[in-house]
Protein backbone atom coordinates (compact mmCIF):
# COMPACT_ATOMS: atom_id res chain seq x y z
CA MET A 1 -22.03 -18.13 -32.15
CA GLU A 2 -18.82 -20.91 -31.28
CA ASN A 3 -19.84 -23.69 -29.18
CA MET A 4 -18.23 -24.17 -25.88
CA ASP A 5 -16.11 -26.95 -27.36
CA THR A 6 -14.32 -24.83 -29.67
CA LEU A 7 -14.31 -21.52 -27.44
CA HIS A 8 -11.93 -23.85 -25.06
CA GLU A 9 -10.05 -25.52 -28.04
CA ASN A 10 -9.26 -21.89 -28.56
CA ILE A 11 -8.18 -21.09 -25.34
CA ASP A 12 -4.50 -21.57 -24.89
CA ILE A 13 -4.05 -21.79 -21.19
CA GLU A 14 -1.73 -23.73 -19.13
CA PRO A 15 -2.60 -25.60 -15.92
CA ALA A 16 -0.39 -24.29 -13.18
CA SER A 17 -0.43 -20.64 -14.77
CA TYR A 18 -1.41 -19.41 -11.79
CA VAL A 19 -0.89 -20.42 -7.87
CA SER A 20 -2.65 -19.65 -4.58
CA VAL A 21 -1.27 -18.10 -1.50
CA ASP A 22 -0.77 -21.53 0.20
CA GLU A 23 0.61 -22.81 -3.09
CA VAL A 24 3.38 -19.95 -2.93
CA ALA A 25 4.13 -21.04 0.86
CA LYS A 26 5.02 -24.77 -0.25
CA ILE A 27 7.02 -23.20 -3.05
CA LEU A 28 9.46 -20.88 -0.86
CA SER A 29 9.03 -23.42 2.72
CA ILE A 30 7.85 -20.61 4.13
CA ALA A 31 4.86 -20.23 7.09
CA ARG A 32 1.63 -19.17 5.23
CA VAL A 33 0.81 -16.15 7.06
CA THR A 34 4.39 -14.98 6.19
CA ALA A 35 3.29 -15.64 2.02
CA TYR A 36 0.13 -13.72 3.12
CA GLN A 37 2.44 -10.73 3.98
CA LEU A 38 4.36 -11.18 1.08
CA THR A 39 0.99 -10.17 -0.53
CA LYS A 40 1.05 -7.24 0.68
CA THR A 41 4.87 -6.04 -0.42
CA GLU A 42 5.62 -3.58 -3.08
CA GLY A 43 5.77 -5.32 -6.17
CA PHE A 44 4.80 -8.54 -5.59
CA PRO A 45 3.07 -10.05 -8.31
CA CYS A 46 -0.79 -10.62 -7.50
CA PHE A 47 -4.06 -9.89 -7.52
CA TYR A 48 -7.79 -10.22 -6.15
CA ILE A 49 -10.92 -12.12 -7.63
CA GLY A 50 -13.12 -11.26 -4.01
CA LYS A 51 -11.05 -11.82 -1.66
CA ARG A 52 -8.82 -14.30 -3.13
CA ILE A 53 -5.41 -13.95 -3.92
CA ILE A 54 -4.37 -14.52 -7.48
CA ILE A 55 -0.60 -15.07 -8.41
CA PRO A 56 0.95 -15.66 -11.71
CA LEU A 57 3.56 -18.27 -11.55
CA ARG A 58 5.64 -16.49 -14.47
CA SER A 59 5.44 -12.98 -12.83
CA PHE A 60 6.30 -14.71 -9.24
CA ASN A 61 8.92 -16.58 -10.74
CA LYS A 62 10.28 -13.71 -11.88
CA TRP A 63 10.00 -11.43 -9.60
CA ALA A 64 11.28 -14.47 -6.76
CA GLU A 65 14.75 -14.21 -9.27
CA GLU A 66 14.91 -10.22 -9.31
CA GLN A 67 14.92 -10.45 -5.31
CA ALA A 68 17.54 -13.45 -4.90
CA SER A 69 19.87 -10.76 -7.32
CA SER A 70 19.27 -7.85 -5.38
CA GLN A 71 19.59 -10.05 -2.42
CA ALA A 72 16.76 -8.36 -0.74
CA ILE A 73 15.64 -8.86 2.56
CA LEU A 74 11.85 -8.40 3.07
CA PHE A 75 11.39 -9.06 6.24
CA GLY A 76 13.44 -7.55 9.14
CA GLN A 77 15.35 -10.60 11.06
């Protein structure tokens, strides 16, 4: 069996590949509550580990671009 150092060298993970709901709120300059509401929106890219919501950054960026190009309104004004 490989030792842990070798194992870690073989895993190619970008440091900021995943973000939290709080980080999404900061990225979008929206309230934390609004960011949590986004996670309940159909098609929003996230998954759960226990109670923690994890958002793949690449998928989030793609989702945001799709929303911008369709000029989607996610919450009533």
